[in-house]
Amino acid sequence: MTTDVLIVGAGPTGLTLACDLARRGVDVRIIDKSAAPPRSSRAKGPNLRSLEVLASLGAADEVLAAGSLPLPMRKYRDQVPVADFDPYADPAPVPANAFDWPRLIAQWRLEEILRDRLAKDGVRVELGAELVGLDQHSTGDAAAVTATLADGAALRARYVVGCDGAHSRVRKLLGIPFTGEIRTDQVMVCGDVEIDEGALDRGIWHQWFDATGAVMLCPIPGTRAGWWFQAGPERDGAGVPQPPTEEGFRRLLTRHTGLPGEVLRRATLLSTYRVNVRMADRFRDGRVLLAGDSAHVHSIAGGMGMNTGIQDAFNLGWKLAHVLTGLAAPALIDTYEEERLPVAAWTLDFTSARLAETMAAIRRPGGGLDSATAPEASGLSTGYRWSSLAAGAPENGPRAGDRAPDAPCRSAATGAPTRLHHLFAEPRPTLLGFGPESEEILREAARTYGDAVRIHRVYGAEEVPDDPAGVVDHEGRARAAYEPGADGTVVVVRPDHHVGLVAPATEAPRVREYLALLCGGSGATVSRG
């Protein structure tokens, strides 16, 4: 039996992809070599764009409940507090954003939520399944991949996606180079620790710096005494970094913070982190693709690692689904590498710059990890204007390839509050029509595509709605975000919330052509206007 997609690796990237495919009705299997659900502690939570992805998958509410808001940072110098800083203090709400704050949540807790979400679609992670071989071949008209496991079992799939981390077996089996460098001089030890209640304020992310090193402690949401521990490593007489141990953590705690080592009761998930800046030369080899750390790794500065993987998966999921279900030509999958490889390259440069800024900052009293923050880390500005799927370049409003702005609206049928991103959450393209002139195109798309496309007329506050599927832009926020023309505008939003096409209502052929590319079973190219 051949499954549609075999995912190798059950971290946040693999789970996001599995959830997205399963909700689209794609037959998916996800395997992991770990005997028990893998646990990792480094990633501290989703950024704003990843929260939008999780909301589309139906998992954001649980993440918000299990996580916490970002915490203010307290910087110490030689054990003395010298500065408090809250990079997210009192943010002004942005109507074009679905979320105002990123969230802190343990990676292992996020993975639990995603596994539970996946199970609702009848898919469970297959543990203890270690990949050892890949063979791409064709049998008749059906190309497929055979994955061989360590126990001798063979799994057949139409596509395989490697989400198995920086040491990816999938990438190695494909022989894809992983180009870059390991910066052996930039080393950190990490772990989850339990600290006596009352020893530290749990409303603060504590950061101690001095001439010999650093310790950083951030409370883990959902726990009473759990903290994320990060520190410069102990070194031997020759300056060689030593592996992390529980006793070593106690010594580091006392040396840099002045707290007695015995307040640290337990340490788990110990690991050594070395700055590793590498990227695969390509993200696809035939019917095998790479996503997340399998395709790119970089500095943790800016918190982009897990988030970039989640967003890789969300870009890839709908494309695989449209091809597998016959809605689009196989060439659509080529746009995954076309779009995400440049994003990965930018991320390597961005995080390296953030790391350099942070390393300079912590040498100064009052400097800390807030130096790694930047607006780009939200993920909201990431887009694909260069993509072959970006059709047209309007003078005003979002351009094709940009993330589609959100806006508060009301249901035309009930008057209940809603948002544009609630409309986009369905696993299919969305067609928005601004102005009465757009209505003929909307009706034509409804006749042609039925449920394959979500179609919504966006009414101004002064208009009288006559389509119950429409929404009322009662505050004018949608019009302000999309800046439609006076003669009506049509916007096609891709299933991953990116603008595909913005066109005047008078240009119906361009709209037809673009919808055919996404879900008409056509291999047509798009006029870029």
Protein backbone atom coordinates (compact mmCIF):
# COMPACT_ATOMS: atom_id res chain seq x y z
CA MET A 1 0.00 0.00 0.00
CA THR A 2 1.31 3.45 -0.93
CA THR A 3 0.61 6.46 1.27
CA ASP A 4 0.42 9.92 -0.25
CA VAL A 5 3.07 11.55 1.96
CA LEU A 6 5.55 10.03 4.39
CA ILE A 7 6.98 12.54 6.85
CA VAL A 8 10.25 11.65 8.57
CA GLY A 9 10.62 13.47 11.90
CA ALA A 10 7.93 14.41 14.44
CA GLY A 11 9.14 17.77 15.71
CA PRO A 12 7.18 21.01 15.16
CA THR A 13 7.95 21.08 11.42
CA GLY A 14 6.86 17.51 10.73
CA LEU A 15 3.79 17.78 12.96
CA THR A 16 2.69 21.05 11.34
CA LEU A 17 2.98 19.49 7.90
CA ALA A 18 1.15 16.34 8.99
CA CYS A 19 -1.70 18.38 10.52
CA ASP A 20 -2.05 20.50 7.41
CA LEU A 21 -2.07 17.53 5.05
CA ALA A 22 -4.43 15.44 7.18
CA ARG A 23 -7.05 18.18 7.42
CA ARG A 24 -6.96 18.42 3.59
CA GLY A 25 -7.80 14.74 3.28
CA VAL A 26 -4.32 13.65 2.22
CA ASP A 27 -3.22 10.17 3.35
CA VAL A 28 -0.18 10.89 5.51
CA ARG A 29 2.14 8.89 7.76
CA ILE A 30 4.66 10.44 10.13
CA ILE A 31 7.51 8.46 11.65
CA ASP A 32 10.21 9.23 14.20
CA LYS A 33 13.18 7.15 15.28
CA SER A 34 12.66 7.98 18.98
CA ALA A 35 11.07 5.29 21.08
CA ALA A 36 8.99 7.90 22.90
CA PRO A 37 7.76 11.32 21.75
CA PRO A 38 10.92 13.39 21.22
CA ARG A 39 11.44 16.18 23.73
CA SER A 40 13.42 19.33 23.13
CA SER A 41 13.76 22.45 25.22
CA ARG A 42 15.49 25.06 23.08
CA ALA A 43 12.64 26.70 21.18
CA LYS A 44 10.69 29.07 23.39
CA GLY A 45 7.55 29.48 21.35
CA PRO A 46 5.78 30.66 18.21
CA ASN A 47 6.17 34.11 16.74
CA LEU A 48 3.21 36.06 15.35
CA ARG A 49 3.27 34.39 11.95
CA SER A 50 3.49 30.91 13.45
CA LEU A 51 0.52 31.73 15.68
CA GLU A 52 -1.44 32.50 12.52
CA VAL A 53 -0.40 29.11 11.12
CA LEU A 54 -1.42 27.35 14.33
CA ALA A 55 -4.76 29.19 14.29
CA SER A 56 -5.40 27.94 10.77
CA LEU A 57 -4.71 24.39 11.98
CA GLY A 58 -7.10 24.82 14.91
CA ALA A 59 -4.36 24.63 17.55
CA ALA A 60 -3.80 28.27 18.55
CA ASP A 61 -6.31 28.41 21.40
CA GLU A 62 -4.59 25.56 23.21
CA VAL A 63 -1.18 27.15 22.64
CA LEU A 64 -2.42 30.46 24.06
CA ALA A 65 -3.86 28.68 27.09
CA ALA A 66 -0.72 26.63 27.74
CA GLY A 67 1.78 29.43 27.09
CA SER A 68 2.40 32.88 28.48
CA LEU A 69 3.06 36.37 27.22
CA PRO A 70 6.71 37.33 26.68
CA LEU A 71 8.38 38.33 29.92
CA PRO A 72 10.36 41.44 30.78
CA MET A 73 14.09 40.87 30.94
CA ARG A 74 16.23 41.70 33.97
CA LYS A 75 19.92 42.15 33.19
CA TYR A 76 22.56 41.69 35.89
CA ARG A 77 26.22 42.64 35.84
CA ASP A 78 28.52 40.87 38.28
CA GLN A 79 25.42 39.53 40.09
CA VAL A 80 23.88 43.01 40.54
CA PRO A 81 20.66 43.96 38.68
CA VAL A 82 21.40 46.90 36.39
CA ALA A 83 18.45 47.15 33.97
CA ASP A 84 14.95 45.89 33.29
CA PHE A 85 13.59 45.92 29.77
CA ASP A 86 10.31 44.73 28.28
CA PRO A 87 10.55 44.58 24.47
CA TYR A 88 6.79 43.99 24.21
CA ALA A 89 5.51 46.52 26.74
CA ASP A 90 2.16 48.00 25.79
CA PRO A 91 2.17 47.25 22.07
CA ALA A 92 -0.32 49.27 20.07
CA PRO A 93 -2.84 46.85 18.51
CA VAL A 94 -2.35 46.46 14.77
CA PRO A 95 -5.65 45.67 13.01
CA ALA A 96 -3.78 44.00 10.13
CA ASN A 97 -2.36 41.40 12.56
CA ALA A 98 -4.32 38.52 14.01
CA PHE A 99 -2.11 38.47 17.14
CA ASP A 100 -0.36 41.24 19.05
CA TRP A 101 2.10 39.14 21.06
CA PRO A 102 4.28 36.07 20.47
CA ARG A 103 3.97 33.35 23.09
CA LEU A 104 6.31 31.48 25.40
CA ILE A 105 5.65 27.74 25.49
CA ALA A 106 7.94 24.75 25.90
CA GLN A 107 8.63 23.06 22.59
CA TRP A 108 7.67 19.68 24.02
CA ARG A 109 4.31 21.12 25.13
CA LEU A 110 3.67 22.58 21.68
CA GLU A 111 4.45 19.19 20.17
CA GLU A 112 1.92 17.56 22.52
CA ILE A 113 -0.74 19.98 21.30
CA LEU A 114 0.08 19.27 17.66
CA ARG A 115 0.07 15.51 18.21
CA ASP A 116 -3.37 15.80 19.80
CA ARG A 117 -4.57 17.93 16.88
CA LEU A 118 -3.23 15.38 14.41
CA ALA A 119 -4.94 12.52 16.25
CA LYS A 120 -8.31 14.23 15.67
CA ASP A 121 -7.79 13.50 11.97
CA GLY A 122 -6.94 9.89 12.73
CA VAL A 123 -3.16 10.13 12.34
CA ARG A 124 -0.66 9.19 15.03
CA VAL A 125 3.11 9.43 15.10
CA GLU A 126 4.76 6.06 14.46
CA LEU A 127 7.59 5.89 16.98
CA GLY A 128 10.69 3.72 16.94
CA ALA A 129 10.78 3.89 13.14
CA GLU A 130 14.30 4.74 12.00
CA LEU A 131 14.87 5.49 8.32
CA VAL A 132 17.92 3.81 6.76
CA GLY A 133 17.22 3.86 3.02
CA LEU A 134 15.38 5.71 0.24
CA ASP A 135 14.73 4.51 -3.28
CA GLN A 136 12.89 6.62 -5.85
CA HIS A 137 11.36 4.69 -8.72
CA SER A 138 8.44 4.52 -11.13
CA THR A 139 5.98 1.69 -11.51
CA GLY A 140 3.65 2.16 -14.45
CA ASP A 141 2.25 5.68 -14.27
CA ALA A 142 2.76 6.09 -10.54
CA ALA A 143 6.11 7.41 -9.38
CA ALA A 144 6.83 6.54 -5.77
CA VAL A 145 9.47 6.37 -3.07
CA THR A 146 10.30 3.33 -0.97
CA ALA A 147 11.59 4.11 2.50
CA THR A 148 13.44 1.30 4.27
CA LEU A 149 13.44 1.24 8.07
CA ALA A 150 16.05 -0.19 10.42
CA ASP A 151 13.82 -3.17 11.25
CA GLY A 152 13.62 -4.08 7.56
CA ALA A 153 10.11 -2.74 6.98
CA ALA A 154 9.49 -0.94 3.68
CA LEU A 155 7.09 2.01 3.39
CA ARG A 156 5.93 3.30 0.00
CA ALA A 157 4.86 6.90 -0.54
CA ARG A 158 4.16 9.21 -3.45
CA TYR A 159 6.23 11.88 -1.70
CA VAL A 160 8.62 11.87 1.27
CA VAL A 161 9.44 14.96 3.34
CA GLY A 162 12.49 15.04 5.60
CA CYS A 163 11.74 16.98 8.79
CA ASP A 164 14.37 15.09 10.75
CA GLY A 165 16.61 17.89 11.97
CA ALA A 166 20.09 19.19 11.38
CA HIS A 167 21.57 15.68 11.21
CA SER A 168 18.87 14.67 8.72
CA ARG A 169 19.15 11.09 7.50
CA VAL A 170 16.89 12.02 4.58
CA ARG A 171 19.25 14.76 3.43
CA LYS A 172 22.28 12.50 3.78
CA LEU A 173 20.64 9.67 1.84
CA LEU A 174 19.91 12.12 -0.97
CA GLY A 175 23.53 13.32 -0.95
CA ILE A 176 22.48 16.96 -0.75
CA PRO A 177 25.36 19.18 0.47
CA PHE A 178 24.77 21.10 3.72
CA THR A 179 26.93 24.15 3.17
CA GLY A 180 28.14 26.47 5.92
CA GLU A 181 30.10 26.47 9.14
CA ILE A 182 30.05 25.46 12.80
CA ARG A 183 31.35 28.25 15.00
CA THR A 184 33.14 26.23 17.64
CA ASP A 185 33.98 29.34 19.67
CA GLN A 186 30.29 30.12 20.27
CA VAL A 187 29.01 27.42 22.62
CA MET A 188 26.18 27.27 25.14
CA VAL A 189 24.86 24.59 27.49
CA CYS A 190 21.09 24.26 27.84
CA GLY A 191 18.52 22.33 29.83
CA ASP A 192 15.29 22.37 31.77
CA VAL A 193 15.84 22.83 35.51
CA GLU A 194 13.72 22.96 38.64
CA ILE A 195 14.52 25.73 41.09
CA ASP A 196 13.13 26.13 44.60
CA GLU A 197 9.95 28.18 44.62
CA GLY A 198 10.61 31.68 45.89
CA ALA A 199 14.28 31.69 44.91
CA LEU A 200 13.58 33.86 41.85
CA ASP A 201 10.74 36.02 40.56
CA ARG A 202 8.90 33.92 37.96
CA GLY A 203 7.58 37.02 36.23
CA ILE A 204 11.06 37.85 34.93
CA TRP A 205 13.52 36.42 32.39
CA HIS A 206 16.76 36.71 34.40
CA GLN A 207 20.06 37.26 32.56
CA TRP A 208 23.39 37.40 34.40
CA PHE A 209 26.50 38.51 32.55
CA ASP A 210 30.07 39.03 33.71
CA ALA A 211 33.57 38.90 32.28
CA THR A 212 33.78 35.11 32.55
CA GLY A 213 30.40 34.01 31.22
CA ALA A 214 26.65 34.12 31.60
CA VAL A 215 23.60 32.34 32.99
CA MET A 216 20.08 32.94 31.71
CA LEU A 217 16.95 31.61 33.40
CA CYS A 218 13.46 31.93 31.93
CA PRO A 219 10.42 30.37 33.66
CA ILE A 220 8.70 27.60 31.70
CA PRO A 221 4.96 28.32 31.37
CA GLY A 222 2.64 25.73 32.85
CA THR A 223 5.12 24.64 35.52
CA ARG A 224 5.49 25.68 39.16
CA ALA A 225 9.27 25.40 39.41
CA GLY A 226 10.52 24.76 35.88
CA TRP A 227 13.00 27.08 34.15
CA TRP A 228 14.89 27.15 30.88
CA PHE A 229 18.59 27.22 31.75
CA GLN A 230 21.15 28.58 29.28
CA ALA A 231 24.77 29.36 30.11
CA GLY A 232 28.28 29.57 28.85
CA PRO A 233 29.86 26.14 29.45
CA GLU A 234 32.38 25.16 32.05
CA ARG A 235 35.84 24.75 30.52
CA ASP A 236 38.85 22.67 31.43
CA GLY A 237 42.38 24.00 31.96
CA ALA A 238 42.95 24.12 28.20
CA GLY A 239 39.77 26.09 27.62
CA VAL A 240 37.85 23.18 26.11
CA PRO A 241 34.05 23.37 26.75
CA GLN A 242 32.82 20.63 29.07
CA PRO A 243 29.60 18.64 28.58
CA PRO A 244 26.61 19.82 30.62
CA THR A 245 25.85 18.05 33.89
CA GLU A 246 23.46 18.75 36.73
CA GLU A 247 26.35 19.46 39.12
CA GLY A 248 27.95 21.66 36.49
CA PHE A 249 24.73 23.67 36.24
CA ARG A 250 24.82 24.20 40.01
CA ARG A 251 28.38 25.46 39.84
CA LEU A 252 27.54 27.82 36.98
CA LEU A 253 24.49 29.08 38.86
CA THR A 254 26.51 29.93 41.96
CA ARG A 255 29.43 31.43 40.04
CA HIS A 256 27.38 33.83 37.93
CA THR A 257 24.27 34.54 40.02
CA GLY A 258 25.41 34.21 43.62
CA LEU A 259 22.52 31.85 44.39
CA PRO A 260 23.40 28.69 46.32
CA GLY A 261 23.71 25.72 44.00
CA GLU A 262 21.31 23.63 46.06
CA VAL A 263 18.30 25.74 44.95
CA LEU A 264 18.63 23.92 41.61
CA ARG A 265 16.86 20.66 42.38
CA ARG A 266 16.81 18.89 39.04
CA ALA A 267 18.16 19.26 35.51
CA THR A 268 16.88 17.42 32.43
CA LEU A 269 17.10 17.64 28.63
CA LEU A 270 20.74 18.66 28.90
CA SER A 271 22.43 19.61 25.65
CA THR A 272 25.31 21.58 24.19
CA TYR A 273 24.46 24.16 21.55
CA ARG A 274 27.04 25.30 19.02
CA VAL A 275 26.25 28.02 16.52
CA ASN A 276 25.75 26.13 13.29
CA VAL A 277 25.05 28.15 10.14
CA ARG A 278 24.29 25.82 7.26
CA MET A 279 21.84 25.41 4.42
CA ALA A 280 21.04 22.63 1.98
CA ASP A 281 21.97 23.37 -1.61
CA ARG A 282 18.47 22.40 -2.67
CA PHE A 283 15.23 21.51 -0.90
CA ARG A 284 14.00 18.89 -3.35
CA ASP A 285 15.29 15.79 -5.07
CA GLY A 286 12.56 14.27 -7.22
CA ARG A 287 9.76 13.24 -4.91
CA VAL A 288 11.71 13.83 -1.70
CA LEU A 289 11.74 17.26 -0.04
CA LEU A 290 13.40 18.86 2.99
CA ALA A 291 11.88 21.22 5.55
CA GLY A 292 12.91 22.85 8.81
CA ASP A 293 16.33 22.10 10.31
CA SER A 294 16.84 19.37 7.72
CA ALA A 295 17.12 22.18 5.16
CA HIS A 296 18.67 25.01 7.18
CA VAL A 297 20.13 25.74 10.61
CA HIS A 298 21.32 29.02 12.07
CA SER A 299 21.90 30.99 15.24
CA ILE A 300 19.10 30.92 17.81
CA ALA A 301 19.29 34.72 18.08
CA GLY A 302 15.90 36.11 17.14
CA GLY A 303 14.05 32.85 17.86
CA MET A 304 13.63 31.95 14.19
CA GLY A 305 14.57 28.26 14.12
CA MET A 306 11.36 26.44 15.02
CA ASN A 307 9.29 29.22 13.47
CA THR A 308 11.02 29.00 10.11
CA GLY A 309 10.38 25.25 10.08
CA ILE A 310 6.68 25.68 10.90
CA GLN A 311 6.40 28.19 8.09
CA ASP A 312 8.26 25.88 5.67
CA ALA A 313 5.66 23.23 6.42
CA PHE A 314 2.75 25.60 5.89
CA ASN A 315 4.13 26.67 2.52
CA LEU A 316 4.58 23.08 1.40
CA GLY A 317 1.43 21.46 2.75
CA TRP A 318 -1.17 23.03 0.50
CA LYS A 319 1.01 22.59 -2.58
CA LEU A 320 1.43 18.86 -1.98
CA ALA A 321 -2.30 18.55 -1.28
CA HIS A 322 -3.36 20.38 -4.44
CA VAL A 323 -1.11 18.21 -6.59
CA LEU A 324 -2.06 14.95 -4.89
CA THR A 325 -5.78 15.66 -5.18
CA GLY A 326 -5.50 16.70 -8.83
CA LEU A 327 -6.31 20.37 -8.29
CA ALA A 328 -2.96 21.55 -9.64
CA ALA A 329 -0.15 20.38 -11.87
CA PRO A 330 2.97 18.79 -10.27
CA ALA A 331 4.99 21.89 -11.16
CA LEU A 332 3.28 23.67 -8.26
CA ILE A 333 5.58 21.80 -5.87
CA ASP A 334 8.59 23.43 -7.56
CA THR A 335 7.49 26.74 -6.03
CA TYR A 336 8.26 25.40 -2.53
CA GLU A 337 12.02 25.62 -3.09
CA GLU A 338 11.59 28.73 -5.24
CA GLU A 339 9.96 30.52 -2.31
CA ARG A 340 11.47 29.03 0.81
CA LEU A 341 15.15 28.68 -0.14
CA PRO A 342 15.63 32.49 -0.42
CA VAL A 343 13.80 32.89 2.89
CA ALA A 344 16.19 30.41 4.51
CA ALA A 345 19.21 32.26 3.10
CA TRP A 346 17.87 35.55 4.45
CA THR A 347 17.23 33.93 7.84
CA LEU A 348 20.83 32.73 8.10
CA ASP A 349 22.06 36.28 7.47
CA PHE A 350 19.47 37.86 9.78
CA THR A 351 20.14 35.58 12.74
CA SER A 352 23.90 35.89 12.33
CA ALA A 353 23.56 39.67 12.46
CA ARG A 354 21.31 39.43 15.53
CA LEU A 355 23.86 37.17 17.24
CA ALA A 356 26.69 39.60 16.53
CA GLU A 357 24.61 42.45 17.95
CA THR A 358 23.78 40.43 21.06
CA MET A 359 27.38 39.34 21.67
CA ALA A 360 28.44 42.99 21.51
CA ALA A 361 25.58 44.08 23.78
CA ILE A 362 26.24 41.64 26.62
CA ARG A 363 29.75 43.01 27.00
CA ARG A 364 28.18 46.27 28.16
CA PRO A 365 26.39 46.70 31.52
CA GLY A 366 22.65 46.62 30.82
CA GLY A 367 23.01 44.69 27.57
CA GLY A 368 21.08 41.47 27.12
CA LEU A 369 19.10 39.19 24.86
CA ASP A 370 16.72 41.99 23.92
CA SER A 371 19.37 42.96 21.37
CA ALA A 372 18.30 39.91 19.35
CA THR A 373 14.75 41.22 18.93
CA ALA A 374 13.74 42.96 15.72
CA PRO A 375 10.44 43.50 13.87
CA GLU A 376 11.48 40.99 11.20
CA ALA A 377 11.51 38.23 13.83
CA SER A 378 7.70 38.31 13.90
CA GLY A 379 7.61 36.54 10.53
CA LEU A 380 4.86 38.85 9.30
CA SER A 381 7.06 40.62 6.77
CA THR A 382 8.21 37.41 5.09
CA GLY A 383 6.82 37.18 1.58
CA TYR A 384 7.49 35.89 -1.90
CA ARG A 385 7.30 38.82 -4.30
CA TRP A 386 9.83 37.09 -6.56
CA SER A 387 7.75 33.93 -6.86
CA SER A 388 6.22 32.67 -10.08
CA LEU A 389 2.98 32.49 -8.04
CA ALA A 390 3.06 36.27 -7.44
CA ALA A 391 0.86 37.67 -10.19
CA GLY A 392 0.81 41.43 -10.72
CA ALA A 393 2.22 44.40 -8.84
CA PRO A 394 -0.45 46.95 -7.81
CA GLU A 395 0.69 50.44 -6.96
CA ASN A 396 -1.19 50.46 -3.64
CA GLY A 397 -1.91 47.95 -0.90
CA PRO A 398 -0.26 44.56 -0.44
CA ARG A 399 1.68 43.20 -3.37
CA ALA A 400 1.39 39.70 -4.74
CA GLY A 401 3.56 37.42 -2.61
CA ASP A 402 3.06 39.41 0.59
CA ARG A 403 1.36 37.95 3.64
CA ALA A 404 -2.31 38.89 3.34
CA PRO A 405 -3.22 41.53 5.95
CA ASP A 406 -5.85 40.70 8.55
CA ALA A 407 -8.71 43.03 9.50
CA PRO A 408 -11.70 42.95 11.85
CA CYS A 409 -15.05 42.52 10.09
CA ARG A 410 -18.60 41.37 10.78
CA SER A 411 -20.51 38.50 9.24
CA ALA A 412 -22.98 39.81 6.65
CA ALA A 413 -25.40 37.05 7.68
CA THR A 414 -25.35 37.41 11.48
CA GLY A 415 -23.43 40.58 12.33
CA ALA A 416 -21.11 38.52 14.54
CA PRO A 417 -17.51 39.71 14.81
CA THR A 418 -15.00 37.90 12.60
CA ARG A 419 -11.68 38.58 10.92
CA LEU A 420 -10.31 38.14 7.44
CA HIS A 421 -7.83 35.55 8.74
CA HIS A 422 -10.76 33.50 10.02
CA LEU A 423 -11.90 33.31 6.40
CA PHE A 424 -8.40 32.35 5.27
CA ALA A 425 -8.16 29.54 7.85
CA GLU A 426 -10.08 27.12 5.64
CA PRO A 427 -7.68 24.83 3.72
CA ARG A 428 -8.38 26.34 0.30
CA PRO A 429 -7.81 29.56 -1.64
CA THR A 430 -9.93 32.59 -0.78
CA LEU A 431 -11.39 35.07 -3.26
CA LEU A 432 -12.21 38.53 -1.88
CA GLY A 433 -14.25 41.03 -3.85
CA PHE A 434 -14.25 44.74 -3.06
CA GLY A 435 -16.95 46.87 -4.68
CA PRO A 436 -20.13 45.94 -6.62
CA GLU A 437 -18.03 45.62 -9.77
CA SER A 438 -16.38 42.47 -8.35
CA GLU A 439 -19.62 40.53 -7.97
CA GLU A 440 -19.75 39.04 -11.46
CA ILE A 441 -16.26 37.56 -11.04
CA LEU A 442 -17.24 36.14 -7.66
CA ARG A 443 -20.36 34.51 -9.13
CA GLU A 444 -18.36 33.04 -12.01
CA ALA A 445 -15.76 31.58 -9.62
CA ALA A 446 -18.51 30.07 -7.49
CA ARG A 447 -20.03 28.37 -10.56
CA THR A 448 -16.65 27.10 -11.75
CA TYR A 449 -15.00 25.95 -8.52
CA GLY A 450 -17.77 25.44 -5.98
CA ASP A 451 -16.33 24.51 -2.59
CA ALA A 452 -12.74 24.42 -3.87
CA VAL A 453 -12.52 28.22 -3.39
CA ARG A 454 -13.89 30.31 -0.52
CA ILE A 455 -15.62 33.35 -1.96
CA HIS A 456 -16.46 36.46 0.05
CA ARG A 457 -17.73 39.85 -0.92
CA VAL A 458 -16.25 42.54 1.37
CA TYR A 459 -18.92 45.19 1.90
CA GLY A 460 -18.20 48.72 3.01
CA ALA A 461 -20.01 50.05 6.06
CA GLU A 462 -22.26 52.09 3.77
CA GLU A 463 -23.30 49.12 1.60
CA VAL A 464 -26.31 46.86 2.16
CA PRO A 465 -25.12 43.23 2.07
CA ASP A 466 -27.07 40.79 -0.08
CA ASP A 467 -24.66 37.81 0.14
CA PRO A 468 -24.75 35.90 3.45
CA ALA A 469 -21.22 34.61 2.77
CA GLY A 470 -19.91 38.17 2.70
CA VAL A 471 -18.37 40.24 5.45
CA VAL A 472 -18.91 43.86 6.39
CA ASP A 473 -15.83 46.03 6.77
CA HIS A 474 -17.55 48.06 9.50
CA GLU A 475 -14.40 49.90 10.61
CA GLY A 476 -12.92 50.32 7.14
CA ARG A 477 -9.84 48.32 8.18
CA ALA A 478 -9.98 45.86 5.30
CA ARG A 479 -10.27 48.67 2.77
CA ALA A 480 -7.37 50.48 4.45
CA ALA A 481 -5.23 47.32 4.33
CA TYR A 482 -5.97 46.33 0.72
CA GLU A 483 -6.58 49.77 -0.80
CA PRO A 484 -8.98 48.56 -3.50
CA GLY A 485 -9.51 50.66 -6.61
CA ALA A 486 -12.57 52.81 -7.18
CA ASP A 487 -13.89 50.43 -9.87
CA GLY A 488 -13.68 47.32 -7.72
CA THR A 489 -10.85 44.94 -6.88
CA VAL A 490 -10.47 41.18 -6.63
CA VAL A 491 -7.88 39.59 -4.34
CA VAL A 492 -6.89 35.91 -4.47
CA VAL A 493 -5.39 34.74 -1.17
CA ARG A 494 -3.43 31.50 -1.29
CA PRO A 495 -4.17 28.72 1.24
CA ASP A 496 -1.07 29.79 3.19
CA HIS A 497 -2.44 33.34 3.67
CA HIS A 498 -0.22 34.98 1.07
CA VAL A 499 -1.60 37.23 -1.63
CA GLY A 500 -1.50 35.53 -5.00
CA LEU A 501 -3.21 38.10 -7.18
CA VAL A 502 -4.59 41.60 -6.83
CA ALA A 503 -6.50 42.68 -9.93
CA PRO A 504 -9.07 45.28 -10.96
CA ALA A 505 -12.57 43.84 -11.26
CA THR A 506 -12.39 44.61 -14.97
CA GLU A 507 -9.62 42.03 -15.50
CA ALA A 508 -11.62 38.85 -15.16
CA PRO A 509 -9.34 36.79 -17.46
CA ARG A 510 -6.39 37.27 -15.10
CA VAL A 511 -8.48 36.06 -12.18
CA ARG A 512 -9.63 33.00 -14.14
CA GLU A 513 -6.07 32.19 -15.12
CA TYR A 514 -4.76 32.46 -11.57
CA LEU A 515 -7.52 30.33 -10.05
CA ALA A 516 -6.88 27.71 -12.73
CA LEU A 517 -3.23 27.60 -11.67
CA LEU A 518 -4.10 27.01 -8.01
CA CYS A 519 -7.08 24.71 -8.29
CA GLY A 520 -8.13 24.14 -11.88
CA GLY A 521 -5.99 21.11 -12.61
CA SER A 522 -4.10 23.27 -15.11
CA GLY A 523 -0.43 23.81 -15.71
CA ALA A 524 -1.07 27.33 -16.98
CA THR A 525 1.37 30.10 -16.25
CA VAL A 526 0.26 33.43 -14.88
CA SER A 527 0.48 36.82 -16.53
CA ARG A 528 2.37 39.03 -14.10
CA GLY A 529 0.56 42.19 -15.23
